[in-house]
Structures are given as C-alpha cells and as structure tokens.
C-alpha cells in the first residue's frame, strides 16, 4: 500500500461520510464507516510517506590521499541518494 492507496481510502471514506445520504435501517452506519476509512487512509498515507523519506537518505564518502609523485593532496568524493553501497 502506498501513498495513492492512503489517498484513495481517505477519499472513499469522505464520500461515504459526507456525500452519501442513505438510511439502511440502523443495520450499517455509513458515516462511521466513512470516518474509519478516512482515519485508515491518513495512517496509510503517513506510514508510506515515512518509508519514502527514509529510502531517500543520502550517503557521502570523502577520501583524501597524498600523491607520491607531486606531493599534492587528492580528495575523492562519492555520493549515493538511493542507499546503494559506495564502492
């Protein structure tokens, strides 16, 4: 379930809670089901958002060495945005 699923659950719940006006004789309360779906949509959306943000962490590595021929300091920087190991 992703961000889209959370939004879809929220929208379906809002439609049931606010737009549908059907009396089912006390068997099922569509307003309550709508509110439950809206809450579930918010929870799924937030969990998906946290997982997406966690996946986008940046890894940066800097290495310094001295060139034996010239005596200059050489710095190599490598970055990775998707969490793959830097070789």
PDB file of N, CA and C in Angstrom:
ATOM      1  N   UNK A   1       0.845  -1.164   0.000  1.00  0.00           N
ATOM      2  CA  UNK A   1       0.000   0.000   0.000  1.00  0.00           C
ATOM      3  C   UNK A   1       0.887   1.222   0.000  1.00  0.00           C
ATOM      4  N   UNK A   2       0.558   2.145  -0.843  1.00  0.00           N
ATOM      5  CA  UNK A   2       1.394   3.317  -0.948  1.00  0.00           C
ATOM      6  C   UNK A   2       0.629   4.590  -0.652  1.00  0.00           C
ATOM      7  N   UNK A   3       1.235   5.674  -1.088  1.00  0.00           N
ATOM      8  CA  UNK A   3       0.640   6.982  -0.870  1.00  0.00           C
ATOM      9  C   UNK A   3      -0.701   7.071  -1.584  1.00  0.00           C
ATOM     10  N   UNK A   4      -0.778   6.537  -2.784  1.00  0.00           N
ATOM     11  CA  UNK A   4      -2.033   6.554  -3.537  1.00  0.00           C
ATOM     12  C   UNK A   4      -3.137   5.770  -2.867  1.00  0.00           C
ATOM     13  N   UNK A   5      -2.789   4.665  -2.248  1.00  0.00           N
ATOM     14  CA  UNK A   5      -3.799   3.871  -1.535  1.00  0.00           C
ATOM     15  C   UNK A   5      -4.346   4.634  -0.337  1.00  0.00           C
ATOM     16  N   UNK A   6      -3.480   5.336   0.368  1.00  0.00           N
ATOM     17  CA  UNK A   6      -3.935   6.135   1.504  1.00  0.00           C
ATOM     18  C   UNK A   6      -4.871   7.247   1.071  1.00  0.00           C
ATOM     19  N   UNK A   7      -4.529   7.901  -0.037  1.00  0.00           N
ATOM     20  CA  UNK A   7      -5.393   8.964  -0.545  1.00  0.00           C
ATOM     21  C   UNK A   7      -6.726   8.387  -1.013  1.00  0.00           C
ATOM     22  N   UNK A   8      -6.697   7.223  -1.669  1.00  0.00           N
ATOM     23  CA  UNK A   8      -7.929   6.599  -2.146  1.00  0.00           C
ATOM     24  C   UNK A   8      -8.830   6.206  -0.977  1.00  0.00           C
ATOM     25  N   UNK A   9      -8.257   5.640   0.085  1.00  0.00           N
ATOM     26  CA  UNK A   9      -9.051   5.293   1.262  1.00  0.00           C
ATOM     27  C   UNK A   9      -9.683   6.529   1.885  1.00  0.00           C
ATOM     28  N   UNK A  10      -8.923   7.600   1.955  1.00  0.00           N
ATOM     29  CA  UNK A  10      -9.440   8.835   2.537  1.00  0.00           C
ATOM     30  C   UNK A  10     -10.592   9.391   1.703  1.00  0.00           C
ATOM     31  N   UNK A  11     -10.439   9.389   0.384  1.00  0.00           N
ATOM     32  CA  UNK A  11     -11.480   9.918  -0.496  1.00  0.00           C
ATOM     33  C   UNK A  11     -12.745   9.069  -0.421  1.00  0.00           C
ATOM     34  N   UNK A  12     -12.596   7.763  -0.439  1.00  0.00           N
ATOM     35  CA  UNK A  12     -13.767   6.878  -0.336  1.00  0.00           C
ATOM     36  C   UNK A  12     -14.469   7.087   1.006  1.00  0.00           C
ATOM     37  N   UNK A  13     -13.699   7.233   2.064  1.00  0.00           N
ATOM     38  CA  UNK A  13     -14.286   7.485   3.374  1.00  0.00           C
ATOM     39  C   UNK A  13     -15.007   8.822   3.436  1.00  0.00           C
ATOM     40  N   UNK A  14     -14.425   9.851   2.807  1.00  0.00           N
ATOM     41  CA  UNK A  14     -15.073  11.162   2.796  1.00  0.00           C
ATOM     42  C   UNK A  14     -16.377  11.118   2.002  1.00  0.00           C
ATOM     43  N   UNK A  15     -16.396  10.380   0.912  1.00  0.00           N
ATOM     44  CA  UNK A  15     -17.626  10.243   0.130  1.00  0.00           C
ATOM     45  C   UNK A  15     -18.701   9.546   0.956  1.00  0.00           C
ATOM     46  N   UNK A  16     -18.322   8.476   1.655  1.00  0.00           N
ATOM     47  CA  UNK A  16     -19.299   7.770   2.482  1.00  0.00           C
ATOM     48  C   UNK A  16     -19.783   8.630   3.649  1.00  0.00           C
ATOM     49  N   UNK A  17     -18.889   9.408   4.238  1.00  0.00           N
ATOM     50  CA  UNK A  17     -19.260  10.181   5.421  1.00  0.00           C
ATOM     51  C   UNK A  17     -20.065  11.430   5.074  1.00  0.00           C
ATOM     52  N   UNK A  18     -19.732  12.085   3.971  1.00  0.00           N
ATOM     53  CA  UNK A  18     -20.319  13.394   3.713  1.00  0.00           C
ATOM     54  C   UNK A  18     -21.283  13.441   2.521  1.00  0.00           C
ATOM     55  N   UNK A  19     -21.123  12.569   1.541  1.00  0.00           N
ATOM     56  CA  UNK A  19     -21.911  12.690   0.316  1.00  0.00           C
ATOM     57  C   UNK A  19     -23.052  11.684   0.215  1.00  0.00           C
ATOM     58  N   UNK A  20     -22.914  10.543   0.836  1.00  0.00           N
ATOM     59  CA  UNK A  20     -23.952   9.513   0.727  1.00  0.00           C
ATOM     60  C   UNK A  20     -24.954   9.709   1.862  1.00  0.00           C
ATOM     61  N   UNK A  21     -26.220   9.821   1.493  1.00  0.00           N
ATOM     62  CA  UNK A  21     -27.274  10.021   2.482  1.00  0.00           C
ATOM     63  C   UNK A  21     -28.313   8.913   2.312  1.00  0.00           C
ATOM     64  N   UNK A  22     -27.958   7.704   2.764  1.00  0.00           N
ATOM     65  CA  UNK A  22     -28.825   6.544   2.631  1.00  0.00           C
ATOM     66  C   UNK A  22     -29.113   6.000   4.027  1.00  0.00           C
ATOM     67  N   UNK A  23     -30.370   5.725   4.297  1.00  0.00           N
ATOM     68  CA  UNK A  23     -30.754   5.137   5.584  1.00  0.00           C
ATOM     69  C   UNK A  23     -30.928   3.632   5.395  1.00  0.00           C
ATOM     70  N   UNK A  24     -30.071   2.861   6.032  1.00  0.00           N
ATOM     71  CA  UNK A  24     -30.121   1.411   5.893  1.00  0.00           C
ATOM     72  C   UNK A  24     -30.856   0.756   7.057  1.00  0.00           C
ATOM     73  N   UNK A  25     -31.642   1.500   7.771  1.00  0.00           N
ATOM     74  CA  UNK A  25     -32.448   0.936   8.846  1.00  0.00           C
ATOM     75  C   UNK A  25     -31.660   0.596  10.092  1.00  0.00           C
ATOM     76  N   UNK A  26     -30.590   1.254  10.345  1.00  0.00           N
ATOM     77  CA  UNK A  26     -29.821   1.006  11.551  1.00  0.00           C
ATOM     78  C   UNK A  26     -28.918  -0.210  11.486  1.00  0.00           C
ATOM     79  N   UNK A  27     -28.871  -0.877  10.337  1.00  0.00           N
ATOM     80  CA  UNK A  27     -28.013  -2.051  10.206  1.00  0.00           C
ATOM     81  C   UNK A  27     -26.556  -1.628  10.087  1.00  0.00           C
ATOM     82  N   UNK A  28     -26.304  -0.648   9.239  1.00  0.00           N
ATOM     83  CA  UNK A  28     -24.946  -0.184   8.989  1.00  0.00           C
ATOM     84  C   UNK A  28     -24.943   1.344   9.057  1.00  0.00           C
ATOM     85  N   UNK A  29     -24.008   1.901   9.775  1.00  0.00           N
ATOM     86  CA  UNK A  29     -23.859   3.347   9.858  1.00  0.00           C
ATOM     87  C   UNK A  29     -22.775   3.770   8.872  1.00  0.00           C
ATOM     88  N   UNK A  30     -23.172   4.301   7.713  1.00  0.00           N
ATOM     89  CA  UNK A  30     -22.198   4.661   6.680  1.00  0.00           C
ATOM     90  C   UNK A  30     -21.314   5.823   7.097  1.00  0.00           C
ATOM     91  N   UNK A  31     -21.815   6.704   7.960  1.00  0.00           N
ATOM     92  CA  UNK A  31     -20.969   7.793   8.444  1.00  0.00           C
ATOM     93  C   UNK A  31     -19.789   7.252   9.244  1.00  0.00           C
ATOM     94  N   UNK A  32     -20.059   6.291  10.117  1.00  0.00           N
ATOM     95  CA  UNK A  32     -18.986   5.703  10.927  1.00  0.00           C
ATOM     96  C   UNK A  32     -17.974   4.964  10.050  1.00  0.00           C
ATOM     97  N   UNK A  33     -18.464   4.221   9.073  1.00  0.00           N
ATOM     98  CA  UNK A  33     -17.555   3.520   8.151  1.00  0.00           C
ATOM     99  C   UNK A  33     -16.709   4.525   7.379  1.00  0.00           C
ATOM    100  N   UNK A  34     -17.319   5.629   6.974  1.00  0.00           N
ATOM    101  CA  UNK A  34     -16.580   6.674   6.276  1.00  0.00           C
ATOM    102  C   UNK A  34     -15.475   7.265   7.130  1.00  0.00           C
ATOM    103  N   UNK A  35     -15.787   7.549   8.405  1.00  0.00           N
ATOM    104  CA  UNK A  35     -14.760   8.100   9.298  1.00  0.00           C
ATOM    105  C   UNK A  35     -13.636   7.095   9.552  1.00  0.00           C
ATOM    106  N   UNK A  36     -13.980   5.836   9.665  1.00  0.00           N
ATOM    107  CA  UNK A  36     -12.961   4.796   9.869  1.00  0.00           C
ATOM    108  C   UNK A  36     -12.056   4.697   8.635  1.00  0.00           C
ATOM    109  N   UNK A  37     -12.653   4.733   7.438  1.00  0.00           N
ATOM    110  CA  UNK A  37     -11.836   4.689   6.218  1.00  0.00           C
ATOM    111  C   UNK A  37     -10.959   5.926   6.088  1.00  0.00           C
ATOM    112  N   UNK A  38     -11.472   7.079   6.479  1.00  0.00           N
ATOM    113  CA  UNK A  38     -10.658   8.299   6.425  1.00  0.00           C
ATOM    114  C   UNK A  38      -9.471   8.200   7.377  1.00  0.00           C
ATOM    115  N   UNK A  39      -9.693   7.679   8.581  1.00  0.00           N
ATOM    116  CA  UNK A  39      -8.594   7.516   9.540  1.00  0.00           C
ATOM    117  C   UNK A  39      -7.571   6.509   9.023  1.00  0.00           C
ATOM    118  N   UNK A  40      -8.051   5.411   8.451  1.00  0.00           N
ATOM    119  CA  UNK A  40      -7.131   4.412   7.897  1.00  0.00           C
ATOM    120  C   UNK A  40      -6.335   5.006   6.736  1.00  0.00           C
ATOM    121  N   UNK A  41      -6.964   5.831   5.920  1.00  0.00           N
ATOM    122  CA  UNK A  41      -6.260   6.475   4.812  1.00  0.00           C
ATOM    123  C   UNK A  41      -5.159   7.388   5.291  1.00  0.00           C
ATOM    124  N   UNK A  42      -5.424   8.146   6.348  1.00  0.00           N
ATOM    125  CA  UNK A  42      -4.391   9.034   6.902  1.00  0.00           C
ATOM    126  C   UNK A  42      -3.228   8.216   7.444  1.00  0.00           C
ATOM    127  N   UNK A  43      -3.515   7.125   8.148  1.00  0.00           N
ATOM    128  CA  UNK A  43      -2.452   6.280   8.716  1.00  0.00           C
ATOM    129  C   UNK A  43      -1.607   5.661   7.609  1.00  0.00           C
ATOM    130  N   UNK A  44      -2.254   5.124   6.564  1.00  0.00           N
ATOM    131  CA  UNK A  44      -1.508   4.509   5.447  1.00  0.00           C
ATOM    132  C   UNK A  44      -0.674   5.565   4.732  1.00  0.00           C
ATOM    133  N   UNK A  45      -1.242   6.759   4.537  1.00  0.00           N
ATOM    134  CA  UNK A  45      -0.509   7.839   3.878  1.00  0.00           C
ATOM    135  C   UNK A  45       0.728   8.228   4.676  1.00  0.00           C
ATOM    136  N   UNK A  46       0.589   8.395   5.987  1.00  0.00           N
ATOM    137  CA  UNK A  46       1.728   8.798   6.808  1.00  0.00           C
ATOM    138  C   UNK A  46       2.807   7.720   6.869  1.00  0.00           C
ATOM    139  N   UNK A  47       2.408   6.463   6.991  1.00  0.00           N
ATOM    140  CA  UNK A  47       3.396   5.377   7.011  1.00  0.00           C
ATOM    141  C   UNK A  47       4.143   5.312   5.685  1.00  0.00           C
ATOM    142  N   UNK A  48       3.435   5.444   4.582  1.00  0.00           N
ATOM    143  CA  UNK A  48       4.078   5.412   3.274  1.00  0.00           C
ATOM    144  C   UNK A  48       5.016   6.592   3.099  1.00  0.00           C
ATOM    145  N   UNK A  49       4.609   7.758   3.577  1.00  0.00           N
ATOM    146  CA  UNK A  49       5.450   8.942   3.469  1.00  0.00           C
ATOM    147  C   UNK A  49       6.734   8.780   4.275  1.00  0.00           C
ATOM    148  N   UNK A  50       6.632   8.217   5.463  1.00  0.00           N
ATOM    149  CA  UNK A  50       7.822   7.979   6.286  1.00  0.00           C
ATOM    150  C   UNK A  50       8.759   6.994   5.596  1.00  0.00           C
ATOM    151  N   UNK A  51       8.213   5.935   5.012  1.00  0.00           N
ATOM    152  CA  UNK A  51       9.057   4.957   4.334  1.00  0.00           C
ATOM    153  C   UNK A  51       9.723   5.532   3.100  1.00  0.00           C
ATOM    154  N   UNK A  52       9.034   6.399   2.373  1.00  0.00           N
ATOM    155  CA  UNK A  52       9.630   7.022   1.189  1.00  0.00           C
ATOM    156  C   UNK A  52      10.748   7.969   1.609  1.00  0.00           C
ATOM    157  N   UNK A  53      10.519   8.758   2.650  1.00  0.00           N
ATOM    158  CA  UNK A  53      11.553   9.690   3.102  1.00  0.00           C
ATOM    159  C   UNK A  53      12.762   8.946   3.663  1.00  0.00           C
ATOM    160  N   UNK A  54      12.523   7.815   4.281  1.00  0.00           N
ATOM    161  CA  UNK A  54      13.622   7.012   4.828  1.00  0.00           C
ATOM    162  C   UNK A  54      14.482   6.431   3.717  1.00  0.00           C
ATOM    163  N   UNK A  55      13.844   6.090   2.606  1.00  0.00           N
ATOM    164  CA  UNK A  55      14.556   5.495   1.483  1.00  0.00           C
ATOM    165  C   UNK A  55      15.429   6.510   0.755  1.00  0.00           C
ATOM    166  N   UNK A  56      15.119   7.788   0.890  1.00  0.00           N
ATOM    167  CA  UNK A  56      15.851   8.825   0.161  1.00  0.00           C
ATOM    168  C   UNK A  56      17.009   9.410   0.959  1.00  0.00           C
ATOM    169  N   UNK A  57      17.584   8.652   1.850  1.00  0.00           N
ATOM    170  CA  UNK A  57      18.712   9.162   2.612  1.00  0.00           C
ATOM    171  C   UNK A  57      19.944   9.259   1.722  1.00  0.00           C
ATOM    172  N   UNK A  58      20.800  10.203   2.035  1.00  0.00           N
ATOM    173  CA  UNK A  58      21.996  10.443   1.240  1.00  0.00           C
ATOM    174  C   UNK A  58      23.224   9.945   1.985  1.00  0.00           C
ATOM    175  N   UNK A  59      24.072   9.229   1.271  1.00  0.00           N
ATOM    176  CA  UNK A  59      25.315   8.722   1.831  1.00  0.00           C
ATOM    177  C   UNK A  59      26.453   9.422   1.103  1.00  0.00           C
ATOM    178  N   UNK A  60      27.394   9.961   1.847  1.00  0.00           N
ATOM    179  CA  UNK A  60      28.504  10.675   1.250  1.00  0.00           C
ATOM    180  C   UNK A  60      29.809  10.160   1.861  1.00  0.00           C
ATOM    181  N   UNK A  61      30.791   9.951   1.000  1.00  0.00           N
ATOM    182  CA  UNK A  61      32.097   9.467   1.456  1.00  0.00           C
ATOM    183  C   UNK A  61      33.184  10.340   0.844  1.00  0.00           C
ATOM    184  N   UNK A  62      34.110  10.766   1.658  1.00  0.00           N
ATOM    185  CA  UNK A  62      35.239  11.565   1.178  1.00  0.00           C
ATOM    186  C   UNK A  62      36.532  10.859   1.589  1.00  0.00           C
ATOM    187  N   UNK A  63      37.426  10.719   0.628  1.00  0.00           N
ATOM    188  CA  UNK A  63      38.720  10.090   0.902  1.00  0.00           C
ATOM    189  C   UNK A  63      39.829  11.039   0.458  1.00  0.00           C
ATOM    190  N   UNK A  64      40.852  11.155   1.287  1.00  0.00           N
ATOM    191  CA  UNK A  64      41.991  12.012   0.969  1.00  0.00           C
ATOM    192  C   UNK A  64      43.249  11.171   0.923  1.00  0.00           C
ATOM    193  N   UNK A  65      44.102  11.494  -0.025  1.00  0.00           N
ATOM    194  CA  UNK A  65      45.386  10.805  -0.156  1.00  0.00           C
ATOM    195  C   UNK A  65      46.404  11.808  -0.684  1.00  0.00           C
ATOM    196  N   UNK A  66      47.655  11.500  -0.470  1.00  0.00           N
ATOM    197  CA  UNK A  66      48.733  12.351  -0.964  1.00  0.00           C
ATOM    198  C   UNK A  66      49.365  11.670  -2.164  1.00  0.00           C
ATOM    199  N   UNK A  67      49.440  12.400  -3.274  1.00  0.00           N
ATOM    200  CA  UNK A  67      50.052  11.875  -4.496  1.00  0.00           C
ATOM    201  C   UNK A  67      51.558  11.789  -4.273  1.00  0.00           C
ATOM    202  N   UNK A  68      52.144  10.575  -4.378  1.00  0.00           N
ATOM    203  CA  UNK A  68      53.573  10.442  -4.078  1.00  0.00           C
ATOM    204  C   UNK A  68      54.471  11.163  -5.080  1.00  0.00           C
ATOM    205  N   UNK A  69      54.027  11.333  -6.305  1.00  0.00           N
ATOM    206  CA  UNK A  69      54.884  11.960  -7.312  1.00  0.00           C
ATOM    207  C   UNK A  69      54.958  13.468  -7.126  1.00  0.00           C
ATOM    208  N   UNK A  70      53.839  14.113  -6.849  1.00  0.00           N
ATOM    209  CA  UNK A  70      53.821  15.581  -6.766  1.00  0.00           C
ATOM    210  C   UNK A  70      53.707  16.091  -5.336  1.00  0.00           C
ATOM    211  N   UNK A  71      53.265  15.263  -4.414  1.00  0.00           N
ATOM    212  CA  UNK A  71      53.108  15.697  -3.033  1.00  0.00           C
ATOM    213  C   UNK A  71      51.795  16.440  -2.789  1.00  0.00           C
ATOM    214  N   UNK A  72      50.906  16.466  -3.787  1.00  0.00           N
ATOM    215  CA  UNK A  72      49.628  17.160  -3.634  1.00  0.00           C
ATOM    216  C   UNK A  72      48.595  16.252  -2.955  1.00  0.00           C
ATOM    217  N   UNK A  73      47.699  16.894  -2.238  1.00  0.00           N
ATOM    218  CA  UNK A  73      46.603  16.157  -1.597  1.00  0.00           C
ATOM    219  C   UNK A  73      45.473  15.984  -2.609  1.00  0.00           C
ATOM    220  N   UNK A  74      45.016  14.731  -2.771  1.00  0.00           N
ATOM    221  CA  UNK A  74      43.930  14.399  -3.696  1.00  0.00           C
ATOM    222  C   UNK A  74      42.717  13.964  -2.870  1.00  0.00           C
ATOM    223  N   UNK A  75      41.563  14.610  -3.120  1.00  0.00           N
ATOM    224  CA  UNK A  75      40.330  14.285  -2.400  1.00  0.00           C
ATOM    225  C   UNK A  75      39.317  13.728  -3.392  1.00  0.00           C
ATOM    226  N   UNK A  76      38.759  12.579  -3.047  1.00  0.00           N
ATOM    227  CA  UNK A  76      37.735  11.940  -3.877  1.00  0.00           C
ATOM    228  C   UNK A  76      36.435  11.935  -3.094  1.00  0.00           C
ATOM    229  N   UNK A  77      35.356  12.436  -3.705  1.00  0.00           N
ATOM    230  CA  UNK A  77      34.040  12.453  -3.061  1.00  0.00           C
ATOM    231  C   UNK A  77      33.067  11.637  -3.890  1.00  0.00           C
ATOM    232  N   UNK A  78      32.329  10.763  -3.212  1.00  0.00           N
ATOM    233  CA  UNK A  78      31.297   9.953  -3.864  1.00  0.00           C
ATOM    234  C   UNK A  78      30.018  10.058  -3.040  1.00  0.00           C
ATOM    235  N   UNK A  79      28.899  10.221  -3.725  1.00  0.00           N
ATOM    236  CA  UNK A  79      27.613  10.291  -3.028  1.00  0.00           C
ATOM    237  C   UNK A  79      26.644   9.297  -3.646  1.00  0.00           C
ATOM    238  N   UNK A  80      25.680   8.888  -2.839  1.00  0.00           N
ATOM    239  CA  UNK A  80      24.645   7.972  -3.282  1.00  0.00           C
ATOM    240  C   UNK A  80      23.330   8.412  -2.656  1.00  0.00           C
ATOM    241  N   UNK A  81      22.288   8.618  -3.477  1.00  0.00           N
ATOM    242  CA  UNK A  81      20.997   9.062  -2.965  1.00  0.00           C
ATOM    243  C   UNK A  81      20.049   7.924  -2.673  1.00  0.00           C
ATOM    244  N   UNK A  82      20.276   6.743  -3.211  1.00  0.00           N
ATOM    245  CA  UNK A  82      19.303   5.670  -3.057  1.00  0.00           C
ATOM    246  C   UNK A  82      19.736   4.590  -2.086  1.00  0.00           C
ATOM    247  N   UNK A  83      20.787   4.816  -1.329  1.00  0.00           N
ATOM    248  CA  UNK A  83      21.191   3.851  -0.322  1.00  0.00           C
ATOM    249  C   UNK A  83      22.075   2.726  -0.836  1.00  0.00           C
ATOM    250  N   UNK A  84      22.441   2.749  -2.131  1.00  0.00           N
ATOM    251  CA  UNK A  84      23.336   1.723  -2.649  1.00  0.00           C
ATOM    252  C   UNK A  84      24.716   1.900  -2.054  1.00  0.00           C
ATOM    253  N   UNK A  85      25.445   0.827  -1.831  1.00  0.00           N
ATOM    254  CA  UNK A  85      26.773   0.957  -1.261  1.00  0.00           C
ATOM    255  C   UNK A  85      27.723   1.651  -2.247  1.00  0.00           C
ATOM    256  N   UNK A  86      28.592   2.468  -1.691  1.00  0.00           N
ATOM    257  CA  UNK A  86      29.577   3.184  -2.485  1.00  0.00           C
ATOM    258  C   UNK A  86      30.833   2.321  -2.557  1.00  0.00           C
ATOM    259  N   UNK A  87      31.283   2.067  -3.761  1.00  0.00           N
ATOM    260  CA  UNK A  87      32.440   1.194  -3.960  1.00  0.00           C
ATOM    261  C   UNK A  87      33.654   2.026  -4.269  1.00  0.00           C
TER     262      UNK A  87
END
